[in-house]
Amino acid sequence: MIYQLIDEPTGTLIEEGMCKPAIPAEPGNYQIRIFTDNSPAFEVIDFSVDEQGHASAQTRRTTTESALATRRKLRALRRAFTLPITAIHKNRSLIRTLVRRDVLGRYSGSYGGAFWAVLNPLLLMLTYFFVFGIVLNSRFPGDPSRSGFALYYLAGFLPWLAFSEALGRAPFTMVEHRSFIKKLVFPVEILPVNLVVSGLVTEFFGVLIFAIALLLLRGHVPATALYLPLLVLPQILFTAGICWFLSALGVFFRDLAQINGFLITIWFFITPICYPEDSVAKFPLLHLNPIYVLVRNYRAIFLESKAPDWPSLALLTLVSLVVFLAGHAWFYKLRKSFADLI
C-alpha cells in the first residue's frame, strides 16, 4: 500500500510513503490517496485540520485519476468565478480600514490634510483645462463655448481619474507592502483592490466638483445621472483586473513601474477626453478602448440627458468581467512566489 498526502486547495504533494502519514501541523484542507496493487482506482480521504491541530475526516470514496482530474477542472472553474468575490467580501472591513489609512496617510503632516483629496483632482482638472481649453483652444462640436468645452472635458475626465490613479500605483504596491507579504499571514489579493477603492474616492470628489460646475453653468444636474452606478460597476471590474495583473507582474519585472507611467500617458491621449470623439473616427481600433466607452457614456448621462448606450455598455461589462476574473487568476497563480522575490 502506498499513500500520498496532498494539499487539497492547490493539489501540491506534501509527502509520499508506505506507512501511515502524519497529521500536518498547518491548519487547512488535505487529502490522502491510498493506492493498492496496480489497480487504476484508489481510495481518497478528504480531511481538515483546525487551528488546534485536530484532524476531522469529511469524505471517503474510491475514484480514478481521470475522474479526479475532471473534478479538479470543474473546481478550478468554479473557484475562478467565486474566489475574487469571496476574497473582497470576506475582507471588506480590512479593505475599508486600509483605504482610509491610505487616503489620510498621503496627506498626513500637510497643512491641507485630507482637504487635498479634493484639491488634487481639482488642480489636475484645471491643469488640463488650461492646456487644452485655453492654450490650444480646443472645442467640442455642438457647444463651441469655453464653458461647453470645460463640461465635456470634465465629464470625460471623471472615469480617467479613478482608473489612472489605480493603474499608476499598481506595479509597486506589492513592494510597498512587503512587510505584509514577508512577515504576516495576510490576504495580499486585497492590496490591488485597495488601489481601486482609493481611486474611486478621488473620483467621488471629482464628481462633486463636476456636479457643482453643472449647477453653476446649466442650473441643474440631469436625472439621467442616476445611471452612474451602472457605469461604475464595469469600471471597477476592469480596473481591478488590470491592477491584479500589473501588481503581480511588477514583482517579477521591477522596470514595469517606470514603463507603466509612459503607457498610461499614451492611453490618456488615445482616449478622446481632451478632444472631440470625431477625431478618432478614422481609427476604428481606438473604439475598442474600454475607457473610450466609459467616457462616451459619462458624457451621455451627465451632459446629453440620455441613457447609456446599452449595447456598448453590455459589451464593456462582459469584457470587464473577463478581465476581472483573468487578472485575479493571474495574481492567484503567482502570489506564492512574492515572498521569495520581494
C-alpha atoms as a PDB file:
ATOM      1  CA  MET A   1       0.000   0.000   0.000  1.00  0.00           C
ATOM      2  CA  ILE A   2       1.283   3.461  -0.954  1.00  0.00           C
ATOM      3  CA  TYR A   3      -0.168   6.722   0.293  1.00  0.00           C
ATOM      4  CA  GLN A   4       0.128  10.332  -0.844  1.00  0.00           C
ATOM      5  CA  LEU A   5      -0.638  13.343   1.330  1.00  0.00           C
ATOM      6  CA  ILE A   6      -1.964  16.224  -0.794  1.00  0.00           C
ATOM      7  CA  ASP A   7      -2.644  19.879  -0.004  1.00  0.00           C
ATOM      8  CA  GLU A   8      -6.222  19.842  -1.293  1.00  0.00           C
ATOM      9  CA  PRO A   9      -6.710  23.507  -2.370  1.00  0.00           C
ATOM     10  CA  THR A  10      -3.544  23.579  -4.505  1.00  0.00           C
ATOM     11  CA  GLY A  11      -3.101  19.887  -5.370  1.00  0.00           C
ATOM     12  CA  THR A  12       0.509  20.007  -4.076  1.00  0.00           C
ATOM     13  CA  LEU A  13       2.109  16.711  -2.984  1.00  0.00           C
ATOM     14  CA  ILE A  14       3.284  17.093   0.627  1.00  0.00           C
ATOM     15  CA  GLU A  15       4.684  13.605   1.250  1.00  0.00           C
ATOM     16  CA  GLU A  16       4.559  10.055  -0.058  1.00  0.00           C
ATOM     17  CA  GLY A  17       5.306   6.804   1.722  1.00  0.00           C
ATOM     18  CA  MET A  18       4.383   3.277   2.705  1.00  0.00           C
ATOM     19  CA  CYS A  19       3.192   3.776   6.274  1.00  0.00           C
ATOM     20  CA  LYS A  20       0.568   5.919   7.998  1.00  0.00           C
ATOM     21  CA  PRO A  21       1.006   9.668   7.221  1.00  0.00           C
ATOM     22  CA  ALA A  22       1.465  12.212   9.992  1.00  0.00           C
ATOM     23  CA  ILE A  23      -1.178  14.882  10.562  1.00  0.00           C
ATOM     24  CA  PRO A  24       0.016  18.184   9.028  1.00  0.00           C
ATOM     25  CA  ALA A  25       0.833  20.943  11.504  1.00  0.00           C
ATOM     26  CA  GLU A  26      -0.665  23.710   9.350  1.00  0.00           C
ATOM     27  CA  PRO A  27      -4.448  24.158   9.527  1.00  0.00           C
ATOM     28  CA  GLY A  28      -6.257  23.652   6.230  1.00  0.00           C
ATOM     29  CA  ASN A  29      -7.870  21.099   3.933  1.00  0.00           C
ATOM     30  CA  TYR A  30      -5.934  17.997   2.932  1.00  0.00           C
ATOM     31  CA  GLN A  31      -6.373  14.744   1.040  1.00  0.00           C
ATOM     32  CA  ILE A  32      -4.911  11.265   1.472  1.00  0.00           C
ATOM     33  CA  ARG A  33      -4.729   8.986  -1.570  1.00  0.00           C
ATOM     34  CA  ILE A  34      -4.242   5.252  -0.909  1.00  0.00           C
ATOM     35  CA  PHE A  35      -3.021   3.081  -3.792  1.00  0.00           C
ATOM     36  CA  THR A  36      -3.207  -0.733  -3.712  1.00  0.00           C
ATOM     37  CA  ASP A  37      -1.732  -3.180  -6.251  1.00  0.00           C
ATOM     38  CA  ASN A  38      -1.825  -1.962  -9.862  1.00  0.00           C
ATOM     39  CA  SER A  39      -5.490  -1.009  -9.944  1.00  0.00           C
ATOM     40  CA  PRO A  40      -6.337   2.325 -11.644  1.00  0.00           C
ATOM     41  CA  ALA A  41      -8.836   3.001  -8.835  1.00  0.00           C
ATOM     42  CA  PHE A  42      -7.637   4.282  -5.471  1.00  0.00           C
ATOM     43  CA  GLU A  43      -9.160   5.446  -2.217  1.00  0.00           C
ATOM     44  CA  VAL A  44      -9.377   9.142  -1.355  1.00  0.00           C
ATOM     45  CA  ILE A  45      -9.932  10.546   2.145  1.00  0.00           C
ATOM     46  CA  ASP A  46     -10.642  14.275   2.458  1.00  0.00           C
ATOM     47  CA  PHE A  47      -9.968  15.782   5.879  1.00  0.00           C
ATOM     48  CA  SER A  48      -9.326  19.142   7.512  1.00  0.00           C
ATOM     49  CA  VAL A  49      -7.002  20.294  10.296  1.00  0.00           C
ATOM     50  CA  ASP A  50      -8.182  23.050  12.653  1.00  0.00           C
ATOM     51  CA  GLU A  51      -6.166  25.700  14.495  1.00  0.00           C
ATOM     52  CA  GLN A  52      -5.596  23.323  17.432  1.00  0.00           C
ATOM     53  CA  GLY A  53      -4.121  20.644  15.152  1.00  0.00           C
ATOM     54  CA  HIS A  54      -7.124  18.324  15.339  1.00  0.00           C
ATOM     55  CA  ALA A  55      -7.985  16.422  12.162  1.00  0.00           C
ATOM     56  CA  SER A  56     -11.532  15.567  11.120  1.00  0.00           C
ATOM     57  CA  ALA A  57     -12.436  13.387   8.125  1.00  0.00           C
ATOM     58  CA  GLN A  58     -15.010  14.780   5.699  1.00  0.00           C
ATOM     59  CA  THR A  59     -15.455  12.288   2.841  1.00  0.00           C
ATOM     60  CA  ARG A  60     -14.089   8.886   1.845  1.00  0.00           C
ATOM     61  CA  ARG A  61     -14.519   7.499  -1.662  1.00  0.00           C
ATOM     62  CA  THR A  62     -12.979   5.387  -4.419  1.00  0.00           C
ATOM     63  CA  THR A  63     -12.043   7.172  -7.643  1.00  0.00           C
ATOM     64  CA  THR A  64      -9.616   7.210 -10.583  1.00  0.00           C
ATOM     65  CA  GLU A  65      -7.057   9.711 -11.783  1.00  0.00           C
ATOM     66  CA  SER A  66      -9.179  10.782 -14.762  1.00  0.00           C
ATOM     67  CA  ALA A  67     -12.236  11.339 -12.540  1.00  0.00           C
ATOM     68  CA  LEU A  68     -10.101  13.312 -10.116  1.00  0.00           C
ATOM     69  CA  ALA A  69      -8.682  15.438 -12.957  1.00  0.00           C
ATOM     70  CA  THR A  70     -12.209  16.242 -14.178  1.00  0.00           C
ATOM     71  CA  ARG A  71     -13.213  17.207 -10.650  1.00  0.00           C
ATOM     72  CA  ARG A  72     -10.163  19.478 -10.338  1.00  0.00           C
ATOM     73  CA  LYS A  73     -11.014  21.258 -13.583  1.00  0.00           C
ATOM     74  CA  LEU A  74     -14.613  21.848 -12.527  1.00  0.00           C
ATOM     75  CA  ARG A  75     -13.498  23.091  -9.113  1.00  0.00           C
ATOM     76  CA  ALA A  76     -10.905  25.387 -10.673  1.00  0.00           C
ATOM     77  CA  LEU A  77     -13.568  26.836 -12.967  1.00  0.00           C
ATOM     78  CA  ARG A  78     -15.929  27.372 -10.040  1.00  0.00           C
ATOM     79  CA  ARG A  79     -13.213  28.938  -7.896  1.00  0.00           C
ATOM     80  CA  ALA A  80     -12.207  31.276 -10.730  1.00  0.00           C
ATOM     81  CA  PHE A  81     -15.669  32.842 -10.509  1.00  0.00           C
ATOM     82  CA  THR A  82     -16.117  32.764  -6.740  1.00  0.00           C
ATOM     83  CA  LEU A  83     -12.662  33.412  -5.257  1.00  0.00           C
ATOM     84  CA  PRO A  84     -12.268  37.109  -6.189  1.00  0.00           C
ATOM     85  CA  ILE A  85     -15.777  37.946  -4.949  1.00  0.00           C
ATOM     86  CA  THR A  86     -15.442  35.986  -1.697  1.00  0.00           C
ATOM     87  CA  ALA A  87     -11.988  37.450  -1.016  1.00  0.00           C
ATOM     88  CA  ILE A  88     -13.311  41.005  -1.374  1.00  0.00           C
ATOM     89  CA  HIS A  89     -16.454  40.312   0.652  1.00  0.00           C
ATOM     90  CA  LYS A  90     -14.615  38.454   3.408  1.00  0.00           C
ATOM     91  CA  ASN A  91     -12.042  41.227   3.823  1.00  0.00           C
ATOM     92  CA  ARG A  92     -14.325  44.220   3.220  1.00  0.00           C
ATOM     93  CA  SER A  93     -13.720  45.717   6.672  1.00  0.00           C
ATOM     94  CA  LEU A  94      -9.950  45.362   6.235  1.00  0.00           C
ATOM     95  CA  ILE A  95     -10.177  46.999   2.794  1.00  0.00           C
ATOM     96  CA  ARG A  96     -12.152  49.871   4.301  1.00  0.00           C
ATOM     97  CA  THR A  97      -9.519  50.351   7.034  1.00  0.00           C
ATOM     98  CA  LEU A  98      -6.579  50.220   4.615  1.00  0.00           C
ATOM     99  CA  VAL A  99      -8.213  52.634   2.179  1.00  0.00           C
ATOM    100  CA  ARG A 100      -8.935  55.111   4.971  1.00  0.00           C
ATOM    101  CA  ARG A 101      -5.345  54.845   6.157  1.00  0.00           C
ATOM    102  CA  ASP A 102      -4.052  55.211   2.606  1.00  0.00           C
ATOM    103  CA  VAL A 103      -6.129  58.294   1.796  1.00  0.00           C
ATOM    104  CA  LEU A 104      -5.387  60.044   5.093  1.00  0.00           C
ATOM    105  CA  GLY A 105      -1.747  58.880   5.192  1.00  0.00           C
ATOM    106  CA  ARG A 106      -0.955  60.511   1.858  1.00  0.00           C
ATOM    107  CA  TYR A 107      -1.728  63.930   3.301  1.00  0.00           C
ATOM    108  CA  SER A 108      -0.639  63.497   6.917  1.00  0.00           C
ATOM    109  CA  GLY A 109       1.603  66.296   8.112  1.00  0.00           C
ATOM    110  CA  SER A 110       0.431  68.732   5.416  1.00  0.00           C
ATOM    111  CA  TYR A 111      -1.462  71.903   6.260  1.00  0.00           C
ATOM    112  CA  GLY A 112      -4.337  70.978   3.988  1.00  0.00           C
ATOM    113  CA  GLY A 113      -4.689  67.478   5.434  1.00  0.00           C
ATOM    114  CA  ALA A 114      -7.496  65.400   3.916  1.00  0.00           C
ATOM    115  CA  PHE A 115      -8.682  68.510   2.034  1.00  0.00           C
ATOM    116  CA  TRP A 116      -6.008  67.647  -0.547  1.00  0.00           C
ATOM    117  CA  ALA A 117      -8.258  64.747  -1.562  1.00  0.00           C
ATOM    118  CA  VAL A 118     -10.483  67.458  -3.058  1.00  0.00           C
ATOM    119  CA  LEU A 119      -7.735  69.809  -4.206  1.00  0.00           C
ATOM    120  CA  ASN A 120      -5.718  67.200  -6.126  1.00  0.00           C
ATOM    121  CA  PRO A 121      -8.444  66.226  -8.628  1.00  0.00           C
ATOM    122  CA  LEU A 122      -9.477  69.877  -8.888  1.00  0.00           C
ATOM    123  CA  LEU A 123      -5.941  71.065  -9.705  1.00  0.00           C
ATOM    124  CA  LEU A 124      -5.435  68.204 -12.166  1.00  0.00           C
ATOM    125  CA  MET A 125      -8.649  69.066 -13.972  1.00  0.00           C
ATOM    126  CA  LEU A 126      -7.751  72.755 -14.083  1.00  0.00           C
ATOM    127  CA  THR A 127      -4.288  71.999 -15.464  1.00  0.00           C
ATOM    128  CA  TYR A 128      -5.580  70.012 -18.448  1.00  0.00           C
ATOM    129  CA  PHE A 129      -8.368  72.543 -18.987  1.00  0.00           C
ATOM    130  CA  PHE A 130      -5.811  75.350 -19.144  1.00  0.00           C
ATOM    131  CA  VAL A 131      -3.608  73.493 -21.638  1.00  0.00           C
ATOM    132  CA  PHE A 132      -6.323  72.209 -23.973  1.00  0.00           C
ATOM    133  CA  GLY A 133      -9.144  74.674 -23.417  1.00  0.00           C
ATOM    134  CA  ILE A 134      -7.200  77.942 -23.222  1.00  0.00           C
ATOM    135  CA  VAL A 135      -3.726  77.442 -24.710  1.00  0.00           C
ATOM    136  CA  LEU A 136      -4.708  75.059 -27.545  1.00  0.00           C
ATOM    137  CA  ASN A 137      -8.255  76.465 -27.767  1.00  0.00           C
ATOM    138  CA  SER A 138      -9.847  73.037 -28.245  1.00  0.00           C
ATOM    139  CA  ARG A 139     -13.631  72.920 -28.665  1.00  0.00           C
ATOM    140  CA  PHE A 140     -16.321  70.250 -28.828  1.00  0.00           C
ATOM    141  CA  PRO A 141     -18.976  70.228 -31.580  1.00  0.00           C
ATOM    142  CA  GLY A 142     -22.451  71.307 -30.520  1.00  0.00           C
ATOM    143  CA  ASP A 143     -21.177  73.742 -27.901  1.00  0.00           C
ATOM    144  CA  PRO A 144     -18.155  75.746 -29.093  1.00  0.00           C
ATOM    145  CA  SER A 145     -18.073  77.911 -25.956  1.00  0.00           C
ATOM    146  CA  ARG A 146     -15.289  77.638 -23.407  1.00  0.00           C
ATOM    147  CA  SER A 147     -17.753  76.528 -20.712  1.00  0.00           C
ATOM    148  CA  GLY A 148     -19.042  73.835 -23.075  1.00  0.00           C
ATOM    149  CA  PHE A 149     -15.507  72.546 -23.527  1.00  0.00           C
ATOM    150  CA  ALA A 150     -14.997  72.562 -19.748  1.00  0.00           C
ATOM    151  CA  LEU A 151     -18.081  70.444 -19.111  1.00  0.00           C
ATOM    152  CA  TYR A 152     -17.391  67.923 -21.885  1.00  0.00           C
ATOM    153  CA  TYR A 153     -13.765  67.652 -20.850  1.00  0.00           C
ATOM    154  CA  LEU A 154     -14.584  67.225 -17.137  1.00  0.00           C
ATOM    155  CA  ALA A 155     -17.271  64.586 -17.848  1.00  0.00           C
ATOM    156  CA  GLY A 156     -14.763  62.538 -19.829  1.00  0.00           C
ATOM    157  CA  PHE A 157     -12.065  63.020 -17.222  1.00  0.00           C
ATOM    158  CA  LEU A 158     -14.126  61.552 -14.350  1.00  0.00           C
ATOM    159  CA  PRO A 159     -13.605  57.825 -15.139  1.00  0.00           C
ATOM    160  CA  TRP A 160      -9.989  58.513 -16.019  1.00  0.00           C
ATOM    161  CA  LEU A 161      -9.330  59.956 -12.538  1.00  0.00           C
ATOM    162  CA  ALA A 162     -10.003  56.680 -10.729  1.00  0.00           C
ATOM    163  CA  PHE A 163      -8.579  54.439 -13.452  1.00  0.00           C
ATOM    164  CA  SER A 164      -5.248  56.218 -13.895  1.00  0.00           C
ATOM    165  CA  GLU A 165      -4.629  56.621 -10.154  1.00  0.00           C
ATOM    166  CA  ALA A 166      -5.097  52.895  -9.506  1.00  0.00           C
ATOM    167  CA  LEU A 167      -3.012  51.810 -12.514  1.00  0.00           C
ATOM    168  CA  GLY A 168      -0.229  54.247 -11.741  1.00  0.00           C
ATOM    169  CA  ARG A 169       0.353  52.701  -8.302  1.00  0.00           C
ATOM    170  CA  ALA A 170      -0.338  49.047  -9.134  1.00  0.00           C
ATOM    171  CA  PRO A 171       3.138  47.855 -10.300  1.00  0.00           C
ATOM    172  CA  PHE A 172       4.869  48.665  -6.997  1.00  0.00           C
ATOM    173  CA  THR A 173       2.088  48.036  -4.481  1.00  0.00           C
ATOM    174  CA  MET A 174       3.489  44.598  -3.556  1.00  0.00           C
ATOM    175  CA  VAL A 175       6.948  46.022  -2.914  1.00  0.00           C
ATOM    176  CA  GLU A 176       5.424  48.919  -0.978  1.00  0.00           C
ATOM    177  CA  HIS A 177       3.660  46.439   1.331  1.00  0.00           C
ATOM    178  CA  ARG A 178       6.498  43.915   1.520  1.00  0.00           C
ATOM    179  CA  SER A 179       6.183  43.675   5.334  1.00  0.00           C
ATOM    180  CA  PHE A 180       2.646  42.316   4.952  1.00  0.00           C
ATOM    181  CA  ILE A 181       3.833  39.698   2.486  1.00  0.00           C
ATOM    182  CA  LYS A 182       7.003  38.521   4.246  1.00  0.00           C
ATOM    183  CA  LYS A 183       6.036  38.577   7.925  1.00  0.00           C
ATOM    184  CA  LEU A 184       2.276  38.181   8.209  1.00  0.00           C
ATOM    185  CA  VAL A 185      -0.486  35.841   7.120  1.00  0.00           C
ATOM    186  CA  PHE A 186      -2.215  38.480   5.056  1.00  0.00           C
ATOM    187  CA  PRO A 187      -4.734  38.358   2.158  1.00  0.00           C
ATOM    188  CA  VAL A 188      -2.408  40.022  -0.357  1.00  0.00           C
ATOM    189  CA  GLU A 189      -5.046  39.886  -3.099  1.00  0.00           C
ATOM    190  CA  ILE A 190      -6.852  42.825  -1.481  1.00  0.00           C
ATOM    191  CA  LEU A 191      -3.887  45.204  -1.895  1.00  0.00           C
ATOM    192  CA  PRO A 192      -4.674  45.937  -5.582  1.00  0.00           C
ATOM    193  CA  VAL A 193      -8.345  46.265  -4.613  1.00  0.00           C
ATOM    194  CA  ASN A 194      -7.343  48.995  -2.141  1.00  0.00           C
ATOM    195  CA  LEU A 195      -5.933  50.974  -5.070  1.00  0.00           C
ATOM    196  CA  VAL A 196      -9.221  50.656  -6.954  1.00  0.00           C
ATOM    197  CA  VAL A 197     -11.244  51.891  -3.975  1.00  0.00           C
ATOM    198  CA  SER A 198      -8.787  54.737  -3.287  1.00  0.00           C
ATOM    199  CA  GLY A 199      -9.158  55.803  -6.912  1.00  0.00           C
ATOM    200  CA  LEU A 200     -12.933  55.785  -6.502  1.00  0.00           C
ATOM    201  CA  VAL A 201     -12.574  58.120  -3.521  1.00  0.00           C
ATOM    202  CA  THR A 202     -10.712  60.552  -5.778  1.00  0.00           C
ATOM    203  CA  GLU A 203     -13.384  60.179  -8.458  1.00  0.00           C
ATOM    204  CA  PHE A 204     -16.101  60.789  -5.862  1.00  0.00           C
ATOM    205  CA  PHE A 205     -14.669  64.223  -5.124  1.00  0.00           C
ATOM    206  CA  GLY A 206     -14.262  64.791  -8.858  1.00  0.00           C
ATOM    207  CA  VAL A 207     -17.976  64.029  -9.367  1.00  0.00           C
ATOM    208  CA  LEU A 208     -18.857  66.514  -6.607  1.00  0.00           C
ATOM    209  CA  ILE A 209     -16.777  69.211  -8.302  1.00  0.00           C
ATOM    210  CA  PHE A 210     -18.365  68.384 -11.658  1.00  0.00           C
ATOM    211  CA  ALA A 211     -21.899  68.493 -10.179  1.00  0.00           C
ATOM    212  CA  ILE A 212     -21.182  71.953  -8.782  1.00  0.00           C
ATOM    213  CA  ALA A 213     -19.925  73.061 -12.214  1.00  0.00           C
ATOM    214  CA  LEU A 214     -23.126  71.714 -13.816  1.00  0.00           C
ATOM    215  CA  LEU A 215     -25.275  73.619 -11.335  1.00  0.00           C
ATOM    216  CA  LEU A 216     -23.354  76.855 -11.910  1.00  0.00           C
ATOM    217  CA  LEU A 217     -23.252  76.636 -15.712  1.00  0.00           C
ATOM    218  CA  ARG A 218     -26.509  74.829 -16.563  1.00  0.00           C
ATOM    219  CA  GLY A 219     -28.582  75.255 -13.434  1.00  0.00           C
ATOM    220  CA  HIS A 220     -29.301  71.551 -12.865  1.00  0.00           C
ATOM    221  CA  VAL A 221     -27.923  68.020 -12.789  1.00  0.00           C
ATOM    222  CA  PRO A 222     -29.939  65.780 -15.167  1.00  0.00           C
ATOM    223  CA  ALA A 223     -31.923  62.851 -13.782  1.00  0.00           C
ATOM    224  CA  THR A 224     -30.001  60.521 -16.113  1.00  0.00           C
ATOM    225  CA  ALA A 225     -27.020  60.960 -13.760  1.00  0.00           C
ATOM    226  CA  LEU A 226     -28.709  58.214 -11.699  1.00  0.00           C
ATOM    227  CA  TYR A 227     -27.363  55.756 -14.297  1.00  0.00           C
ATOM    228  CA  LEU A 228     -23.863  56.400 -12.924  1.00  0.00           C
ATOM    229  CA  PRO A 229     -23.671  53.168 -10.813  1.00  0.00           C
ATOM    230  CA  LEU A 230     -24.249  51.151 -13.996  1.00  0.00           C
ATOM    231  CA  LEU A 231     -21.120  52.740 -15.457  1.00  0.00           C
ATOM    232  CA  VAL A 232     -19.047  52.469 -12.291  1.00  0.00           C
ATOM    233  CA  LEU A 233     -19.589  48.693 -11.989  1.00  0.00           C
ATOM    234  CA  PRO A 234     -17.737  47.670 -15.199  1.00  0.00           C
ATOM    235  CA  GLN A 235     -15.198  50.400 -14.461  1.00  0.00           C
ATOM    236  CA  ILE A 236     -14.425  48.763 -11.090  1.00  0.00           C
ATOM    237  CA  LEU A 237     -14.225  45.267 -12.601  1.00  0.00           C
ATOM    238  CA  PHE A 238     -11.930  46.351 -15.419  1.00  0.00           C
ATOM    239  CA  THR A 239      -9.663  48.431 -13.159  1.00  0.00           C
ATOM    240  CA  ALA A 240      -9.375  45.669 -10.549  1.00  0.00           C
ATOM    241  CA  GLY A 241      -8.458  43.072 -13.180  1.00  0.00           C
ATOM    242  CA  ILE A 242      -5.729  45.272 -14.663  1.00  0.00           C
ATOM    243  CA  CYS A 243      -4.418  46.158 -11.185  1.00  0.00           C
ATOM    244  CA  TRP A 244      -4.183  42.479 -10.196  1.00  0.00           C
ATOM    245  CA  PHE A 245      -2.258  41.771 -13.398  1.00  0.00           C
ATOM    246  CA  LEU A 246       0.158  44.704 -13.003  1.00  0.00           C
ATOM    247  CA  SER A 247       0.675  44.110  -9.265  1.00  0.00           C
ATOM    248  CA  ALA A 248       1.775  40.519  -9.823  1.00  0.00           C
ATOM    249  CA  LEU A 249       3.890  41.366 -12.875  1.00  0.00           C
ATOM    250  CA  GLY A 250       5.582  44.222 -11.015  1.00  0.00           C
ATOM    251  CA  VAL A 251       7.102  41.753  -8.530  1.00  0.00           C
ATOM    252  CA  PHE A 252       8.950  39.941 -11.333  1.00  0.00           C
ATOM    253  CA  PHE A 253       9.629  42.928 -13.588  1.00  0.00           C
ATOM    254  CA  ARG A 254      10.619  45.947 -11.495  1.00  0.00           C
ATOM    255  CA  ASP A 255      11.079  48.202 -14.533  1.00  0.00           C
ATOM    256  CA  LEU A 256       7.341  47.982 -15.077  1.00  0.00           C
ATOM    257  CA  ALA A 257       6.828  50.819 -12.580  1.00  0.00           C
ATOM    258  CA  GLN A 258       8.800  53.129 -14.907  1.00  0.00           C
ATOM    259  CA  ILE A 259       7.286  51.872 -18.163  1.00  0.00           C
ATOM    260  CA  ASN A 260       3.783  51.977 -16.730  1.00  0.00           C
ATOM    261  CA  GLY A 261       3.720  55.775 -16.443  1.00  0.00           C
ATOM    262  CA  PHE A 262       4.599  56.083 -20.120  1.00  0.00           C
ATOM    263  CA  LEU A 263       1.871  53.604 -21.119  1.00  0.00           C
ATOM    264  CA  ILE A 264      -0.733  55.436 -19.032  1.00  0.00           C
ATOM    265  CA  THR A 265       0.184  58.702 -20.766  1.00  0.00           C
ATOM    266  CA  ILE A 266      -0.286  57.071 -24.186  1.00  0.00           C
ATOM    267  CA  TRP A 267      -3.599  55.585 -23.047  1.00  0.00           C
ATOM    268  CA  PHE A 268      -4.766  59.049 -21.957  1.00  0.00           C
ATOM    269  CA  PHE A 269      -4.002  60.666 -25.301  1.00  0.00           C
ATOM    270  CA  ILE A 270      -5.612  57.911 -27.404  1.00  0.00           C
ATOM    271  CA  THR A 271      -8.817  58.379 -25.383  1.00  0.00           C
ATOM    272  CA  PRO A 272     -10.967  61.335 -26.569  1.00  0.00           C
ATOM    273  CA  ILE A 273     -11.031  63.180 -23.258  1.00  0.00           C
ATOM    274  CA  CYS A 274      -9.451  66.486 -24.226  1.00  0.00           C
ATOM    275  CA  TYR A 275     -10.505  66.456 -27.877  1.00  0.00           C
ATOM    276  CA  PRO A 276     -13.737  65.612 -29.792  1.00  0.00           C
ATOM    277  CA  GLU A 277     -14.716  61.977 -30.245  1.00  0.00           C
ATOM    278  CA  ASP A 278     -14.963  62.533 -34.023  1.00  0.00           C
ATOM    279  CA  SER A 279     -11.171  62.783 -34.083  1.00  0.00           C
ATOM    280  CA  VAL A 280     -10.837  59.011 -33.573  1.00  0.00           C
ATOM    281  CA  ALA A 281     -13.415  58.109 -36.252  1.00  0.00           C
ATOM    282  CA  LYS A 282     -10.687  57.307 -38.778  1.00  0.00           C
ATOM    283  CA  PHE A 283      -9.007  54.919 -36.298  1.00  0.00           C
ATOM    284  CA  PRO A 284     -11.583  52.119 -35.757  1.00  0.00           C
ATOM    285  CA  LEU A 285      -9.333  50.205 -33.359  1.00  0.00           C
ATOM    286  CA  LEU A 286      -9.473  53.088 -30.876  1.00  0.00           C
ATOM    287  CA  HIS A 287     -13.207  52.425 -30.465  1.00  0.00           C
ATOM    288  CA  LEU A 288     -12.234  49.170 -28.721  1.00  0.00           C
ATOM    289  CA  ASN A 289     -10.710  51.207 -25.892  1.00  0.00           C
ATOM    290  CA  PRO A 290     -12.819  50.405 -22.762  1.00  0.00           C
ATOM    291  CA  ILE A 291     -12.157  53.860 -21.300  1.00  0.00           C
ATOM    292  CA  TYR A 292     -13.498  55.415 -24.502  1.00  0.00           C
ATOM    293  CA  VAL A 293     -16.803  53.584 -23.915  1.00  0.00           C
ATOM    294  CA  LEU A 294     -16.909  54.946 -20.361  1.00  0.00           C
ATOM    295  CA  VAL A 295     -16.061  58.490 -21.491  1.00  0.00           C
ATOM    296  CA  ARG A 296     -18.814  58.470 -24.107  1.00  0.00           C
ATOM    297  CA  ASN A 297     -21.418  57.168 -21.656  1.00  0.00           C
ATOM    298  CA  TYR A 298     -20.390  59.538 -18.851  1.00  0.00           C
ATOM    299  CA  ARG A 299     -20.996  62.420 -21.257  1.00  0.00           C
ATOM    300  CA  ALA A 300     -24.326  60.928 -22.333  1.00  0.00           C
ATOM    301  CA  ILE A 301     -25.776  60.706 -18.817  1.00  0.00           C
ATOM    302  CA  PHE A 302     -24.360  63.977 -17.476  1.00  0.00           C
ATOM    303  CA  LEU A 303     -24.471  66.331 -20.458  1.00  0.00           C
ATOM    304  CA  GLU A 304     -26.898  64.941 -23.027  1.00  0.00           C
ATOM    305  CA  SER A 305     -29.629  63.718 -20.627  1.00  0.00           C
ATOM    306  CA  LYS A 306     -29.520  60.329 -22.346  1.00  0.00           C
ATOM    307  CA  ALA A 307     -29.402  56.770 -21.052  1.00  0.00           C
ATOM    308  CA  PRO A 308     -26.116  54.929 -21.607  1.00  0.00           C
ATOM    309  CA  ASP A 309     -25.566  53.209 -24.925  1.00  0.00           C
ATOM    310  CA  TRP A 310     -26.776  49.800 -23.783  1.00  0.00           C
ATOM    311  CA  PRO A 311     -25.057  47.578 -26.405  1.00  0.00           C
ATOM    312  CA  SER A 312     -21.623  49.125 -25.816  1.00  0.00           C
ATOM    313  CA  LEU A 313     -22.174  49.089 -22.026  1.00  0.00           C
ATOM    314  CA  ALA A 314     -23.196  45.415 -22.098  1.00  0.00           C
ATOM    315  CA  LEU A 315     -20.098  44.531 -24.132  1.00  0.00           C
ATOM    316  CA  LEU A 316     -17.898  46.586 -21.796  1.00  0.00           C
ATOM    317  CA  THR A 317     -19.381  44.801 -18.763  1.00  0.00           C
ATOM    318  CA  LEU A 318     -18.690  41.405 -20.322  1.00  0.00           C
ATOM    319  CA  VAL A 319     -15.111  42.354 -21.223  1.00  0.00           C
ATOM    320  CA  SER A 320     -14.576  43.848 -17.760  1.00  0.00           C
ATOM    321  CA  LEU A 321     -15.810  40.655 -16.096  1.00  0.00           C
ATOM    322  CA  VAL A 322     -13.385  38.569 -18.170  1.00  0.00           C
ATOM    323  CA  VAL A 323     -10.505  40.935 -17.315  1.00  0.00           C
ATOM    324  CA  PHE A 324     -11.540  40.860 -13.632  1.00  0.00           C
ATOM    325  CA  LEU A 325     -11.515  37.055 -13.458  1.00  0.00           C
ATOM    326  CA  ALA A 326      -8.370  36.648 -15.585  1.00  0.00           C
ATOM    327  CA  GLY A 327      -6.480  39.282 -13.575  1.00  0.00           C
ATOM    328  CA  HIS A 328      -7.326  37.572 -10.287  1.00  0.00           C
ATOM    329  CA  ALA A 329      -6.405  34.129 -11.680  1.00  0.00           C
ATOM    330  CA  TRP A 330      -3.021  35.522 -12.819  1.00  0.00           C
ATOM    331  CA  PHE A 331      -2.419  37.109  -9.395  1.00  0.00           C
ATOM    332  CA  TYR A 332      -3.552  34.000  -7.501  1.00  0.00           C
ATOM    333  CA  LYS A 333      -1.253  31.793  -9.583  1.00  0.00           C
ATOM    334  CA  LEU A 334       1.842  33.919  -8.916  1.00  0.00           C
ATOM    335  CA  ARG A 335       1.291  35.094  -5.341  1.00  0.00           C
ATOM    336  CA  LYS A 336       3.127  32.157  -3.734  1.00  0.00           C
ATOM    337  CA  SER A 337       6.371  33.464  -5.289  1.00  0.00           C
ATOM    338  CA  PHE A 338       6.054  37.004  -3.898  1.00  0.00           C
ATOM    339  CA  ALA A 339       7.714  36.345  -0.519  1.00  0.00           C
ATOM    340  CA  ASP A 340      10.806  34.858  -2.207  1.00  0.00           C
ATOM    341  CA  LEU A 341      11.235  37.721  -4.687  1.00  0.00           C
ATOM    342  CA  ILE A 342      10.459  40.810  -2.583  1.00  0.00           C
END
